[in-house]
PDB file of N, CA and C in Angstrom:
ATOM      1  N   MET A   1       4.165 -12.379 -14.805  1.00  0.00           N
ATOM      2  CA  MET A   1       4.211 -13.332 -13.731  1.00  0.00           C
ATOM      3  C   MET A   1       4.616 -12.681 -12.416  1.00  0.00           C
ATOM      4  N   ILE A   2       5.598 -11.793 -12.435  1.00  0.00           N
ATOM      5  CA  ILE A   2       6.034 -11.123 -11.216  1.00  0.00           C
ATOM      6  C   ILE A   2       4.900 -10.291 -10.642  1.00  0.00           C
ATOM      7  N   ALA A   3       4.212  -9.515 -11.497  1.00  0.00           N
ATOM      8  CA  ALA A   3       3.094  -8.701 -10.998  1.00  0.00           C
ATOM      9  C   ALA A   3       2.040  -9.598 -10.395  1.00  0.00           C
ATOM     10  N   GLY A   4       1.773 -10.729 -11.001  1.00  0.00           N
ATOM     11  CA  GLY A   4       0.773 -11.639 -10.474  1.00  0.00           C
ATOM     12  C   GLY A   4       1.155 -12.175  -9.110  1.00  0.00           C
ATOM     13  N   SER A   5       2.429 -12.500  -8.914  1.00  0.00           N
ATOM     14  CA  SER A   5       2.868 -13.012  -7.629  1.00  0.00           C
ATOM     15  C   SER A   5       2.784 -11.929  -6.558  1.00  0.00           C
ATOM     16  N   HIS A   6       3.060 -10.689  -6.922  1.00  0.00           N
ATOM     17  CA  HIS A   6       2.919  -9.610  -5.944  1.00  0.00           C
ATOM     18  C   HIS A   6       1.449  -9.400  -5.580  1.00  0.00           C
ATOM     19  N   GLU A   7       0.584  -9.481  -6.574  1.00  0.00           N
ATOM     20  CA  GLU A   7      -0.850  -9.340  -6.291  1.00  0.00           C
ATOM     21  C   GLU A   7      -1.326 -10.426  -5.347  1.00  0.00           C
ATOM     22  N   LEU A   8      -0.790 -11.646  -5.512  1.00  0.00           N
ATOM     23  CA  LEU A   8      -1.125 -12.736  -4.577  1.00  0.00           C
ATOM     24  C   LEU A   8      -0.594 -12.431  -3.189  1.00  0.00           C
ATOM     25  N   ALA A   9       0.608 -11.884  -3.109  1.00  0.00           N
ATOM     26  CA  ALA A   9       1.196 -11.514  -1.810  1.00  0.00           C
ATOM     27  C   ALA A   9       0.341 -10.436  -1.138  1.00  0.00           C
ATOM     28  N   GLU A  10      -0.147  -9.479  -1.910  1.00  0.00           N
ATOM     29  CA  GLU A  10      -1.028  -8.439  -1.364  1.00  0.00           C
ATOM     30  C   GLU A  10      -2.315  -9.041  -0.817  1.00  0.00           C
ATOM     31  N   ALA A  11      -2.921  -9.939  -1.624  1.00  0.00           N
ATOM     32  CA  ALA A  11      -4.176 -10.578  -1.185  1.00  0.00           C
ATOM     33  C   ALA A  11      -3.958 -11.402   0.080  1.00  0.00           C
ATOM     34  N   ALA A  12      -2.855 -12.144   0.124  1.00  0.00           N
ATOM     35  CA  ALA A  12      -2.561 -12.943   1.309  1.00  0.00           C
ATOM     36  C   ALA A  12      -2.343 -12.061   2.523  1.00  0.00           C
ATOM     37  N   LEU A  13      -1.653 -10.945   2.334  1.00  0.00           N
ATOM     38  CA  LEU A  13      -1.415 -10.026   3.455  1.00  0.00           C
ATOM     39  C   LEU A  13      -2.716  -9.403   3.923  1.00  0.00           C
ATOM     40  N   LEU A  14      -3.601  -9.072   3.001  1.00  0.00           N
ATOM     41  CA  LEU A  14      -4.889  -8.513   3.399  1.00  0.00           C
ATOM     42  C   LEU A  14      -5.641  -9.490   4.301  1.00  0.00           C
ATOM     43  N   VAL A  15      -5.619 -10.758   3.978  1.00  0.00           N
ATOM     44  CA  VAL A  15      -6.218 -11.779   4.835  1.00  0.00           C
ATOM     45  C   VAL A  15      -5.501 -11.819   6.190  1.00  0.00           C
ATOM     46  N   ASP A  16      -4.175 -11.809   6.154  1.00  0.00           N
ATOM     47  CA  ASP A  16      -3.397 -11.842   7.400  1.00  0.00           C
ATOM     48  C   ASP A  16      -3.680 -10.640   8.288  1.00  0.00           C
ATOM     49  N   LEU A  17      -3.858  -9.472   7.690  1.00  0.00           N
ATOM     50  CA  LEU A  17      -4.174  -8.277   8.480  1.00  0.00           C
ATOM     51  C   LEU A  17      -5.446  -8.475   9.302  1.00  0.00           C
ATOM     52  N   ARG A  18      -6.364  -9.217   8.726  1.00  0.00           N
ATOM     53  CA  ARG A  18      -7.669  -9.407   9.351  1.00  0.00           C
ATOM     54  C   ARG A  18      -7.704 -10.597  10.294  1.00  0.00           C
ATOM     55  N   THR A  19      -6.709 -11.487  10.212  1.00  0.00           N
ATOM     56  CA  THR A  19      -6.792 -12.750  10.977  1.00  0.00           C
ATOM     57  C   THR A  19      -5.580 -13.047  11.847  1.00  0.00           C
ATOM     58  N   THR A  20      -4.478 -12.352  11.660  1.00  0.00           N
ATOM     59  CA  THR A  20      -3.229 -12.697  12.320  1.00  0.00           C
ATOM     60  C   THR A  20      -2.639 -11.475  13.020  1.00  0.00           C
ATOM     61  N   GLU A  21      -2.028 -11.691  14.157  1.00  0.00           N
ATOM     62  CA  GLU A  21      -1.315 -10.613  14.855  1.00  0.00           C
ATOM     63  C   GLU A  21       0.012 -10.374  14.157  1.00  0.00           C
ATOM     64  N   LEU A  22       0.162  -9.197  13.543  1.00  0.00           N
ATOM     65  CA  LEU A  22       1.371  -8.889  12.799  1.00  0.00           C
ATOM     66  C   LEU A  22       2.262  -7.873  13.497  1.00  0.00           C
ATOM     67  N   GLY A  23       1.859  -7.418  14.665  1.00  0.00           N
ATOM     68  CA  GLY A  23       2.687  -6.464  15.392  1.00  0.00           C
ATOM     69  C   GLY A  23       2.548  -5.047  14.895  1.00  0.00           C
ATOM     70  N   LEU A  24       1.477  -4.749  14.160  1.00  0.00           N
ATOM     71  CA  LEU A  24       1.231  -3.392  13.668  1.00  0.00           C
ATOM     72  C   LEU A  24       0.260  -2.678  14.596  1.00  0.00           C
ATOM     73  N   THR A  25       0.416  -1.366  14.698  1.00  0.00           N
ATOM     74  CA  THR A  25      -0.521  -0.561  15.496  1.00  0.00           C
ATOM     75  C   THR A  25      -1.872  -0.515  14.777  1.00  0.00           C
ATOM     76  N   GLU A  26      -2.882  -0.083  15.497  1.00  0.00           N
ATOM     77  CA  GLU A  26      -4.218   0.053  14.891  1.00  0.00           C
ATOM     78  C   GLU A  26      -4.184   1.019  13.708  1.00  0.00           C
ATOM     79  N   HIS A  27      -3.449   2.108  13.847  1.00  0.00           N
ATOM     80  CA  HIS A  27      -3.319   3.080  12.760  1.00  0.00           C
ATOM     81  C   HIS A  27      -2.611   2.440  11.551  1.00  0.00           C
ATOM     82  N   GLU A  28      -1.553   1.672  11.816  1.00  0.00           N
ATOM     83  CA  GLU A  28      -0.846   0.996  10.728  1.00  0.00           C
ATOM     84  C   GLU A  28      -1.739  -0.049  10.060  1.00  0.00           C
ATOM     85  N   LEU A  29      -2.513  -0.765  10.851  1.00  0.00           N
ATOM     86  CA  LEU A  29      -3.433  -1.754  10.274  1.00  0.00           C
ATOM     87  C   LEU A  29      -4.436  -1.092   9.335  1.00  0.00           C
ATOM     88  N   ASP A  30      -5.011   0.025   9.774  1.00  0.00           N
ATOM     89  CA  ASP A  30      -5.963   0.764   8.924  1.00  0.00           C
ATOM     90  C   ASP A  30      -5.294   1.220   7.620  1.00  0.00           C
ATOM     91  N   ALA A  31      -4.099   1.803   7.739  1.00  0.00           N
ATOM     92  CA  ALA A  31      -3.376   2.296   6.565  1.00  0.00           C
ATOM     93  C   ALA A  31      -3.003   1.132   5.646  1.00  0.00           C
ATOM     94  N   ALA A  32      -2.588   0.019   6.222  1.00  0.00           N
ATOM     95  CA  ALA A  32      -2.184  -1.140   5.418  1.00  0.00           C
ATOM     96  C   ALA A  32      -3.393  -1.720   4.666  1.00  0.00           C
ATOM     97  N   GLU A  33      -4.510  -1.853   5.366  1.00  0.00           N
ATOM     98  CA  GLU A  33      -5.707  -2.388   4.708  1.00  0.00           C
ATOM     99  C   GLU A  33      -6.150  -1.498   3.547  1.00  0.00           C
ATOM    100  N   ARG A  34      -6.120  -0.193   3.772  1.00  0.00           N
ATOM    101  CA  ARG A  34      -6.498   0.758   2.707  1.00  0.00           C
ATOM    102  C   ARG A  34      -5.541   0.613   1.529  1.00  0.00           C
ATOM    103  N   LEU A  35      -4.227   0.589   1.803  1.00  0.00           N
ATOM    104  CA  LEU A  35      -3.217   0.516   0.740  1.00  0.00           C
ATOM    105  C   LEU A  35      -3.355  -0.758  -0.074  1.00  0.00           C
ATOM    106  N   LEU A  36      -3.800  -1.823   0.559  1.00  0.00           N
ATOM    107  CA  LEU A  36      -3.963  -3.119  -0.138  1.00  0.00           C
ATOM    108  C   LEU A  36      -5.293  -3.227  -0.869  1.00  0.00           C
ATOM    109  N   GLY A  37      -6.118  -2.196  -0.789  1.00  0.00           N
ATOM    110  CA  GLY A  37      -7.379  -2.215  -1.536  1.00  0.00           C
ATOM    111  C   GLY A  37      -8.568  -2.674  -0.720  1.00  0.00           C
ATOM    112  N   GLY A  38      -8.431  -2.730   0.604  1.00  0.00           N
ATOM    113  CA  GLY A  38      -9.535  -3.155   1.456  1.00  0.00           C
ATOM    114  C   GLY A  38     -10.711  -2.195   1.440  1.00  0.00           C
ATOM    115  N   ALA A  39     -10.485  -0.935   1.033  1.00  0.00           N
ATOM    116  CA  ALA A  39     -11.544   0.053   0.964  1.00  0.00           C
ATOM    117  C   ALA A  39     -11.931   0.374  -0.478  1.00  0.00           C
ATOM    118  N   GLY A  40     -11.342  -0.330  -1.433  1.00  0.00           N
ATOM    119  CA  GLY A  40     -11.574  -0.101  -2.851  1.00  0.00           C
ATOM    120  C   GLY A  40     -10.270  -0.180  -3.614  1.00  0.00           C
ATOM    121  N   HIS A  41     -10.343  -0.510  -4.876  1.00  0.00           N
ATOM    122  CA  HIS A  41      -9.126  -0.766  -5.648  1.00  0.00           C
ATOM    123  C   HIS A  41      -8.648   0.410  -6.499  1.00  0.00           C
ATOM    124  N   ASP A  42      -9.393   1.486  -6.540  1.00  0.00           N
ATOM    125  CA  ASP A  42      -8.987   2.672  -7.262  1.00  0.00           C
ATOM    126  C   ASP A  42      -7.749   3.266  -6.579  1.00  0.00           C
ATOM    127  N   ILE A  43      -6.856   3.841  -7.352  1.00  0.00           N
ATOM    128  CA  ILE A  43      -5.637   4.421  -6.786  1.00  0.00           C
ATOM    129  C   ILE A  43      -5.972   5.431  -5.680  1.00  0.00           C
ATOM    130  N   ALA A  44      -6.902   6.321  -5.929  1.00  0.00           N
ATOM    131  CA  ALA A  44      -7.248   7.329  -4.924  1.00  0.00           C
ATOM    132  C   ALA A  44      -7.764   6.676  -3.644  1.00  0.00           C
ATOM    133  N   GLN A  45      -8.578   5.663  -3.751  1.00  0.00           N
ATOM    134  CA  GLN A  45      -9.074   4.964  -2.565  1.00  0.00           C
ATOM    135  C   GLN A  45      -7.929   4.287  -1.818  1.00  0.00           C
ATOM    136  N   ARG A  46      -7.042   3.658  -2.546  1.00  0.00           N
ATOM    137  CA  ARG A  46      -5.923   2.964  -1.913  1.00  0.00           C
ATOM    138  C   ARG A  46      -4.979   3.932  -1.228  1.00  0.00           C
ATOM    139  N   LEU A  47      -4.880   5.153  -1.728  1.00  0.00           N
ATOM    140  CA  LEU A  47      -4.000   6.152  -1.127  1.00  0.00           C
ATOM    141  C   LEU A  47      -4.708   7.021  -0.101  1.00  0.00           C
ATOM    142  N   GLY A  48      -6.041   6.963  -0.086  1.00  0.00           N
ATOM    143  CA  GLY A  48      -6.799   7.791   0.842  1.00  0.00           C
ATOM    144  C   GLY A  48      -6.836   9.246   0.447  1.00  0.00           C
ATOM    145  N   VAL A  49      -6.861   9.512  -0.864  1.00  0.00           N
ATOM    146  CA  VAL A  49      -6.903  10.894  -1.346  1.00  0.00           C
ATOM    147  C   VAL A  49      -8.198  11.120  -2.111  1.00  0.00           C
ATOM    148  N   ASP A  50      -8.473  12.376  -2.361  1.00  0.00           N
ATOM    149  CA  ASP A  50      -9.673  12.752  -3.113  1.00  0.00           C
ATOM    150  C   ASP A  50      -9.629  12.114  -4.505  1.00  0.00           C
ATOM    151  N   PRO A  51     -10.758  11.593  -4.980  1.00  0.00           N
ATOM    152  CA  PRO A  51     -10.766  10.970  -6.309  1.00  0.00           C
ATOM    153  C   PRO A  51     -10.369  11.922  -7.436  1.00  0.00           C
ATOM    154  N   TRP A  52     -10.509  13.217  -7.191  1.00  0.00           N
ATOM    155  CA  TRP A  52     -10.168  14.200  -8.237  1.00  0.00           C
ATOM    156  C   TRP A  52      -8.770  14.784  -8.026  1.00  0.00           C
ATOM    157  N   SER A  53      -7.995  14.181  -7.138  1.00  0.00           N
ATOM    158  CA  SER A  53      -6.640  14.681  -6.911  1.00  0.00           C
ATOM    159  C   SER A  53      -5.794  14.519  -8.183  1.00  0.00           C
ATOM    160  N   THR A  54      -4.806  15.346  -8.289  1.00  0.00           N
ATOM    161  CA  THR A  54      -3.927  15.317  -9.470  1.00  0.00           C
ATOM    162  C   THR A  54      -2.967  14.121  -9.408  1.00  0.00           C
ATOM    163  N   ARG A  55      -2.392  13.826 -10.534  1.00  0.00           N
ATOM    164  CA  ARG A  55      -1.392  12.766 -10.603  1.00  0.00           C
ATOM    165  C   ARG A  55      -0.236  13.078  -9.652  1.00  0.00           C
ATOM    166  N   GLU A  56       0.171  14.328  -9.566  1.00  0.00           N
ATOM    167  CA  GLU A  56       1.274  14.715  -8.694  1.00  0.00           C
ATOM    168  C   GLU A  56       0.939  14.438  -7.222  1.00  0.00           C
ATOM    169  N   VAL A  57      -0.283  14.742  -6.829  1.00  0.00           N
ATOM    170  CA  VAL A  57      -0.699  14.461  -5.443  1.00  0.00           C
ATOM    171  C   VAL A  57      -0.664  12.970  -5.189  1.00  0.00           C
ATOM    172  N   ARG A  58      -1.213  12.194  -6.105  1.00  0.00           N
ATOM    173  CA  ARG A  58      -1.228  10.733  -5.929  1.00  0.00           C
ATOM    174  C   ARG A  58       0.205  10.188  -5.861  1.00  0.00           C
ATOM    175  N   GLU A  59       1.091  10.680  -6.721  1.00  0.00           N
ATOM    176  CA  GLU A  59       2.468  10.211  -6.685  1.00  0.00           C
ATOM    177  C   GLU A  59       3.158  10.570  -5.377  1.00  0.00           C
ATOM    178  N   THR A  60       2.925  11.786  -4.891  1.00  0.00           N
ATOM    179  CA  THR A  60       3.533  12.223  -3.636  1.00  0.00           C
ATOM    180  C   THR A  60       3.065  11.387  -2.467  1.00  0.00           C
ATOM    181  N   VAL A  61       1.767  11.119  -2.408  1.00  0.00           N
ATOM    182  CA  VAL A  61       1.229  10.299  -1.336  1.00  0.00           C
ATOM    183  C   VAL A  61       1.722   8.857  -1.456  1.00  0.00           C
ATOM    184  N   ALA A  62       1.771   8.321  -2.666  1.00  0.00           N
ATOM    185  CA  ALA A  62       2.270   6.969  -2.864  1.00  0.00           C
ATOM    186  C   ALA A  62       3.726   6.861  -2.436  1.00  0.00           C
ATOM    187  N   LEU A  63       4.545   7.823  -2.801  1.00  0.00           N
ATOM    188  CA  LEU A  63       5.947   7.820  -2.378  1.00  0.00           C
ATOM    189  C   LEU A  63       6.077   7.899  -0.855  1.00  0.00           C
ATOM    190  N   SER A  64       5.204   8.651  -0.244  1.00  0.00           N
ATOM    191  CA  SER A  64       5.206   8.740   1.215  1.00  0.00           C
ATOM    192  C   SER A  64       4.880   7.389   1.837  1.00  0.00           C
ATOM    193  N   GLU A  65       3.938   6.678   1.242  1.00  0.00           N
ATOM    194  CA  GLU A  65       3.593   5.330   1.729  1.00  0.00           C
ATOM    195  C   GLU A  65       4.767   4.370   1.567  1.00  0.00           C
ATOM    196  N   VAL A  66       5.440   4.458   0.438  1.00  0.00           N
ATOM    197  CA  VAL A  66       6.622   3.597   0.220  1.00  0.00           C
ATOM    198  C   VAL A  66       7.636   3.842   1.317  1.00  0.00           C
ATOM    199  N   GLU A  67       7.940   5.107   1.583  1.00  0.00           N
ATOM    200  CA  GLU A  67       8.935   5.433   2.617  1.00  0.00           C
ATOM    201  C   GLU A  67       8.478   4.985   3.988  1.00  0.00           C
ATOM    202  N   ARG A  68       7.196   5.187   4.301  1.00  0.00           N
ATOM    203  CA  ARG A  68       6.661   4.758   5.601  1.00  0.00           C
ATOM    204  C   ARG A  68       6.905   3.267   5.811  1.00  0.00           C
ATOM    205  N   TRP A  69       6.567   2.464   4.820  1.00  0.00           N
ATOM    206  CA  TRP A  69       6.661   1.011   4.989  1.00  0.00           C
ATOM    207  C   TRP A  69       8.095   0.511   4.872  1.00  0.00           C
ATOM    208  N   ARG A  70       8.920   1.198   4.114  1.00  0.00           N
ATOM    209  CA  ARG A  70      10.362   0.827   4.111  1.00  0.00           C
ATOM    210  C   ARG A  70      10.973   1.054   5.480  1.00  0.00           C
ATOM    211  N   ARG A  71      10.660   2.205   6.083  1.00  0.00           N
ATOM    212  CA  ARG A  71      11.164   2.479   7.425  1.00  0.00           C
ATOM    213  C   ARG A  71      10.652   1.447   8.424  1.00  0.00           C
ATOM    214  N   ARG A  72       9.382   1.095   8.299  1.00  0.00           N
ATOM    215  CA  ARG A  72       8.789   0.121   9.223  1.00  0.00           C
ATOM    216  C   ARG A  72       9.444  -1.246   9.037  1.00  0.00           C
ATOM    217  N   ALA A  73       9.799  -1.597   7.822  1.00  0.00           N
ATOM    218  CA  ALA A  73      10.443  -2.878   7.562  1.00  0.00           C
ATOM    219  C   ALA A  73      11.819  -2.954   8.210  1.00  0.00           C
ATOM    220  N   GLU A  74      12.459  -1.805   8.392  1.00  0.00           N
ATOM    221  CA  GLU A  74      13.813  -1.756   8.939  1.00  0.00           C
ATOM    222  C   GLU A  74      13.845  -1.622  10.464  1.00  0.00           C
ATOM    223  N   HIS A  75      12.683  -1.533  11.091  1.00  0.00           N
ATOM    224  CA  HIS A  75      12.655  -1.380  12.562  1.00  0.00           C
ATOM    225  C   HIS A  75      13.334  -2.572  13.217  1.00  0.00           C
ATOM    226  N   PRO A  76      14.271  -2.315  14.127  1.00  0.00           N
ATOM    227  CA  PRO A  76      15.069  -3.410  14.697  1.00  0.00           C
ATOM    228  C   PRO A  76      14.300  -4.400  15.568  1.00  0.00           C
ATOM    229  N   PHE A  77      13.130  -4.028  16.056  1.00  0.00           N
ATOM    230  CA  PHE A  77      12.397  -4.915  16.947  1.00  0.00           C
ATOM    231  C   PHE A  77      11.209  -5.608  16.264  1.00  0.00           C
ATOM    232  N   ASN A  78      11.151  -5.540  14.939  1.00  0.00           N
ATOM    233  CA  ASN A  78      10.111  -6.225  14.200  1.00  0.00           C
ATOM    234  C   ASN A  78      10.213  -7.726  14.373  1.00  0.00           C
ATOM    235  N   SER A  79       9.067  -8.371  14.320  1.00  0.00           N
ATOM    236  CA  SER A  79       9.055  -9.815  14.136  1.00  0.00           C
ATOM    237  C   SER A  79       9.254 -10.075  12.649  1.00  0.00           C
ATOM    238  N   PRO A  80       9.611 -11.275  12.266  1.00  0.00           N
ATOM    239  CA  PRO A  80       9.724 -11.586  10.841  1.00  0.00           C
ATOM    240  C   PRO A  80       8.400 -11.313  10.085  1.00  0.00           C
ATOM    241  N   ALA A  81       7.272 -11.585  10.738  1.00  0.00           N
ATOM    242  CA  ALA A  81       5.974 -11.342  10.080  1.00  0.00           C
ATOM    243  C   ALA A  81       5.745  -9.851   9.847  1.00  0.00           C
ATOM    244  N   THR A  82       6.146  -9.023  10.793  1.00  0.00           N
ATOM    245  CA  THR A  82       5.987  -7.575  10.630  1.00  0.00           C
ATOM    246  C   THR A  82       6.878  -7.069   9.512  1.00  0.00           C
ATOM    247  N   THR A  83       8.108  -7.532   9.469  1.00  0.00           N
ATOM    248  CA  THR A  83       9.031  -7.113   8.406  1.00  0.00           C
ATOM    249  C   THR A  83       8.498  -7.529   7.048  1.00  0.00           C
ATOM    250  N   HIS A  84       8.024  -8.754   6.938  1.00  0.00           N
ATOM    251  CA  HIS A  84       7.467  -9.238   5.656  1.00  0.00           C
ATOM    252  C   HIS A  84       6.274  -8.376   5.238  1.00  0.00           C
ATOM    253  N   ALA A  85       5.363  -8.098   6.185  1.00  0.00           N
ATOM    254  CA  ALA A  85       4.189  -7.281   5.865  1.00  0.00           C
ATOM    255  C   ALA A  85       4.601  -5.893   5.386  1.00  0.00           C
ATOM    256  N   ALA A  86       5.558  -5.274   6.071  1.00  0.00           N
ATOM    257  CA  ALA A  86       5.996  -3.940   5.691  1.00  0.00           C
ATOM    258  C   ALA A  86       6.648  -3.939   4.303  1.00  0.00           C
ATOM    259  N   ARG A  87       7.368  -4.990   3.970  1.00  0.00           N
ATOM    260  CA  ARG A  87       7.983  -5.075   2.637  1.00  0.00           C
ATOM    261  C   ARG A  87       6.935  -5.229   1.557  1.00  0.00           C
ATOM    262  N   VAL A  88       5.926  -6.055   1.805  1.00  0.00           N
ATOM    263  CA  VAL A  88       4.831  -6.202   0.829  1.00  0.00           C
ATOM    264  C   VAL A  88       4.122  -4.857   0.660  1.00  0.00           C
ATOM    265  N   LEU A  89       3.912  -4.149   1.754  1.00  0.00           N
ATOM    266  CA  LEU A  89       3.240  -2.848   1.675  1.00  0.00           C
ATOM    267  C   LEU A  89       4.092  -1.811   0.944  1.00  0.00           C
ATOM    268  N   ALA A  90       5.400  -1.833   1.116  1.00  0.00           N
ATOM    269  CA  ALA A  90       6.276  -0.927   0.373  1.00  0.00           C
ATOM    270  C   ALA A  90       6.178  -1.225  -1.113  1.00  0.00           C
ATOM    271  N   ARG A  91       6.165  -2.505  -1.482  1.00  0.00           N
ATOM    272  CA  ARG A  91       6.021  -2.866  -2.914  1.00  0.00           C
ATOM    273  C   ARG A  91       4.656  -2.455  -3.456  1.00  0.00           C
ATOM    274  N   ALA A  92       3.612  -2.540  -2.613  1.00  0.00           N
ATOM    275  CA  ALA A  92       2.295  -2.085  -3.031  1.00  0.00           C
ATOM    276  C   ALA A  92       2.320  -0.585  -3.331  1.00  0.00           C
ATOM    277  N   GLY A  93       2.992   0.164  -2.470  1.00  0.00           N
ATOM    278  CA  GLY A  93       3.138   1.604  -2.714  1.00  0.00           C
ATOM    279  C   GLY A  93       3.915   1.890  -3.973  1.00  0.00           C
ATOM    280  N   GLU A  94       4.991   1.129  -4.211  1.00  0.00           N
ATOM    281  CA  GLU A  94       5.767   1.296  -5.452  1.00  0.00           C
ATOM    282  C   GLU A  94       4.916   1.051  -6.669  1.00  0.00           C
ATOM    283  N   ALA A  95       4.076   0.044  -6.603  1.00  0.00           N
ATOM    284  CA  ALA A  95       3.171  -0.250  -7.742  1.00  0.00           C
ATOM    285  C   ALA A  95       2.215   0.908  -7.972  1.00  0.00           C
ATOM    286  N   LEU A  96       1.755   1.526  -6.889  1.00  0.00           N
ATOM    287  CA  LEU A  96       0.838   2.670  -7.046  1.00  0.00           C
ATOM    288  C   LEU A  96       1.550   3.886  -7.592  1.00  0.00           C
ATOM    289  N   VAL A  97       2.829   4.060  -7.260  1.00  0.00           N
ATOM    290  CA  VAL A  97       3.603   5.153  -7.851  1.00  0.00           C
ATOM    291  C   VAL A  97       3.638   4.964  -9.362  1.00  0.00           C
ATOM    292  N   ARG A  98       3.966   3.741  -9.787  1.00  0.00           N
ATOM    293  CA  ARG A  98       4.019   3.470 -11.225  1.00  0.00           C
ATOM    294  C   ARG A  98       2.644   3.668 -11.874  1.00  0.00           C
ATOM    295  N   ARG A  99       1.602   3.169 -11.263  1.00  0.00           N
ATOM    296  CA  ARG A  99       0.254   3.289 -11.833  1.00  0.00           C
ATOM    297  C   ARG A  99      -0.213   4.724 -11.890  1.00  0.00           C
ATOM    298  N   SER A 100       0.105   5.513 -10.884  1.00  0.00           N
ATOM    299  CA  SER A 100      -0.365   6.900 -10.878  1.00  0.00           C
ATOM    300  C   SER A 100       0.318   7.718 -11.962  1.00  0.00           C
ATOM    301  N   GLY A 101       1.514   7.322 -12.372  1.00  0.00           N
ATOM    302  CA  GLY A 101       2.213   8.033 -13.415  1.00  0.00           C
ATOM    303  C   GLY A 101       1.837   7.604 -14.822  1.00  0.00           C
ATOM    304  N   THR A 102       1.248   6.419 -14.945  1.00  0.00           N
ATOM    305  CA  THR A 102       0.943   5.892 -16.273  1.00  0.00           C
ATOM    306  C   THR A 102      -0.530   5.838 -16.610  1.00  0.00           C
ATOM    307  N   HIS A 103      -1.363   5.994 -15.606  1.00  0.00           N
ATOM    308  CA  HIS A 103      -2.809   5.932 -15.822  1.00  0.00           C
ATOM    309  C   HIS A 103      -3.419   7.246 -15.373  1.00  0.00           C
ATOM    310  N   GLY A 104      -3.238   8.276 -16.152  1.00  0.00           N
ATOM    311  CA  GLY A 104      -3.674   9.620 -15.786  1.00  0.00           C
ATOM    312  C   GLY A 104      -5.133   9.755 -15.451  1.00  0.00           C
ATOM    313  N   THR A 105      -6.020   8.949 -16.039  1.00  0.00           N
ATOM    314  CA  THR A 105      -7.432   9.098 -15.756  1.00  0.00           C
ATOM    315  C   THR A 105      -7.879   8.266 -14.568  1.00  0.00           C
ATOM    316  N   GLU A 106      -7.093   7.275 -14.139  1.00  0.00           N
ATOM    317  CA  GLU A 106      -7.483   6.462 -13.003  1.00  0.00           C
ATOM    318  C   GLU A 106      -7.291   7.278 -11.754  1.00  0.00           C
ATOM    319  N   GLY A 107      -8.260   7.213 -10.860  1.00  0.00           N
ATOM    320  CA  GLY A 107      -8.166   7.968  -9.644  1.00  0.00           C
ATOM    321  C   GLY A 107      -8.777   9.350  -9.759  1.00  0.00           C
ATOM    322  N   GLY A 108      -9.366   9.683 -10.902  1.00  0.00           N
ATOM    323  CA  GLY A 108     -10.151  10.889 -10.995  1.00  0.00           C
ATOM    324  C   GLY A 108      -9.570  12.003 -11.831  1.00  0.00           C
ATOM    325  N   GLU A 109      -8.307  11.931 -12.225  1.00  0.00           N
ATOM    326  CA  GLU A 109      -7.778  13.044 -13.005  1.00  0.00           C
ATOM    327  C   GLU A 109      -8.325  12.983 -14.415  1.00  0.00           C
ATOM    328  N   PRO A 110      -8.878  14.079 -14.891  1.00  0.00           N
ATOM    329  CA  PRO A 110      -9.436  14.094 -16.264  1.00  0.00           C
ATOM    330  C   PRO A 110      -8.367  13.956 -17.315  1.00  0.00           C
TER     331      PRO A 110
END
């Protein structure tokens, strides 16, 4: 149930990214859309890495995304909508860290 509610939050945020001003830069919007699966749902696509990248590379990039969005969520001048978006994105990155460690063949690793 918890995973399902987070997936709904991700889907809702993906819509919001495309329709609502969230106070994110153009670069952040692109990164957020990719992380939420706007360019494809495979781990490598969501992280923006080569499909044949190793699990370690995927985990490193996913952890970097988690840190990026955690820092963004803590920015003192965020609107509530920006903080909420950054928190959802950090959780999306956390989910990808878990998935990259447990699904060795997903994302291209043999």
